Amino acid sequence: MASAVSVLSTADPVRLHQVFASLDLISDGRTEIIAGRSAFVEAFRLFGVDLDDYDDVFAEKLRLLLTIRENPEHVTWRGRFRPAMDGLSVQR
């Protein structure tokens, strides 16, 4: 089983999907994404995430990641913390 850890609240869901899709191909389908939050807040300021938005940022990025996984060839999505996507393909 291949594994990698990313903090979804400070990562871009599009890039995270691409990285895990590549890892999944390399590992012959033996990879999983486990979405979680960080207990360490140092990275939030570094990546421009306001701690007042902690819950909302995580929920929004998780929704986008799940939307991409459902249909990566045609992603339409809008949110507060990332630019919108209108029918875009998320390449691996």
Protein backbone atom coordinates (compact mmCIF):
# COMPACT_ATOMS: atom_id res chain seq x y z
CA MET A 1 0.00 0.00 0.00
CA ALA A 2 1.37 3.40 -1.00
CA SER A 3 0.83 6.32 1.32
CA ALA A 4 1.48 10.03 1.54
CA VAL A 5 0.25 12.64 3.96
CA SER A 6 -1.15 16.04 3.01
CA VAL A 7 -3.06 18.55 5.08
CA LEU A 8 -6.16 19.26 3.02
CA SER A 9 -6.80 22.65 4.61
CA THR A 10 -3.49 23.99 3.30
CA ALA A 11 -3.34 22.01 0.03
CA ASP A 12 -5.02 22.65 -3.29
CA PRO A 13 -7.53 19.83 -3.91
CA VAL A 14 -6.81 19.82 -7.66
CA ARG A 15 -3.10 19.33 -7.15
CA LEU A 16 -3.71 16.82 -4.36
CA HIS A 17 -5.91 14.74 -6.67
CA GLN A 18 -3.21 14.84 -9.36
CA VAL A 19 -0.49 13.73 -6.96
CA PHE A 20 -2.56 10.87 -5.57
CA ALA A 21 -3.74 9.80 -9.03
CA SER A 22 -0.10 9.55 -10.11
CA LEU A 23 0.83 7.65 -6.95
CA ASP A 24 -2.13 5.33 -7.53
CA LEU A 25 -0.88 4.54 -11.05
CA ILE A 26 2.67 3.91 -9.85
CA SER A 27 1.46 1.65 -7.02
CA ASP A 28 -0.90 -0.31 -9.27
CA GLY A 29 -4.06 0.89 -7.53
CA ARG A 30 -2.90 0.46 -3.96
CA THR A 31 -3.20 4.00 -2.71
CA GLU A 32 -5.76 5.76 -0.55
CA ILE A 33 -6.55 9.34 0.33
CA ILE A 34 -7.39 9.92 3.95
CA ALA A 35 -8.52 13.51 4.46
CA GLY A 36 -7.72 15.08 7.77
CA ARG A 37 -7.01 18.31 9.55
CA SER A 38 -3.76 19.38 11.09
CA ALA A 39 -3.29 19.82 14.80
CA PHE A 40 -0.40 22.17 14.02
CA VAL A 41 -1.49 25.60 12.85
CA GLU A 42 1.88 26.93 11.70
CA ALA A 43 1.25 25.99 8.06
CA PHE A 44 -2.06 27.82 7.92
CA ARG A 45 -0.50 31.28 8.08
CA LEU A 46 2.27 30.19 5.72
CA PHE A 47 -0.31 29.25 3.06
CA GLY A 48 -2.65 32.17 3.70
CA VAL A 49 -5.42 30.27 5.49
CA ASP A 50 -7.19 32.32 8.17
CA LEU A 51 -7.71 30.23 11.30
CA ASP A 52 -11.15 31.84 11.69
CA ASP A 53 -12.10 29.93 8.52
CA TYR A 54 -10.64 26.61 9.73
CA ASP A 55 -13.86 24.57 9.52
CA ASP A 56 -15.17 26.22 6.34
CA VAL A 57 -11.87 25.83 4.45
CA PHE A 58 -11.64 22.13 5.27
CA ALA A 59 -15.29 21.45 4.37
CA GLU A 60 -15.02 23.33 1.07
CA LYS A 61 -11.78 21.70 0.01
CA LEU A 62 -13.11 18.26 0.91
CA ARG A 63 -16.23 18.90 -1.21
CA LEU A 64 -14.04 19.91 -4.15
CA LEU A 65 -11.78 16.86 -3.76
CA LEU A 66 -14.83 14.58 -3.74
CA THR A 67 -16.28 16.37 -6.77
CA ILE A 68 -13.04 15.82 -8.67
CA ARG A 69 -12.93 12.14 -7.73
CA GLU A 70 -16.51 11.64 -8.97
CA ASN A 71 -15.80 12.96 -12.47
CA PRO A 72 -12.28 14.32 -13.07
CA GLU A 73 -12.97 14.81 -16.78
CA HIS A 74 -15.63 17.47 -16.18
CA VAL A 75 -15.38 19.49 -12.96
CA THR A 76 -17.76 22.36 -12.31
CA TRP A 77 -17.42 23.89 -8.87
CA ARG A 78 -17.64 27.19 -6.98
CA GLY A 79 -16.46 28.15 -3.52
CA ARG A 80 -15.08 30.95 -1.35
CA PHE A 81 -11.48 29.87 -0.93
CA ARG A 82 -10.43 28.80 -4.44
CA PRO A 83 -11.17 30.04 -7.97
CA ALA A 84 -14.20 28.48 -9.66
CA MET A 85 -13.96 25.64 -12.15
CA ASP A 86 -16.36 25.47 -15.11
CA GLY A 87 -16.32 22.11 -16.87
CA LEU A 88 -12.57 21.67 -16.53
CA SER A 89 -10.69 18.40 -16.82
CA VAL A 90 -8.30 17.53 -13.99
CA GLN A 91 -5.44 15.67 -15.62
CA ARG A 92 -3.38 13.01 -13.85
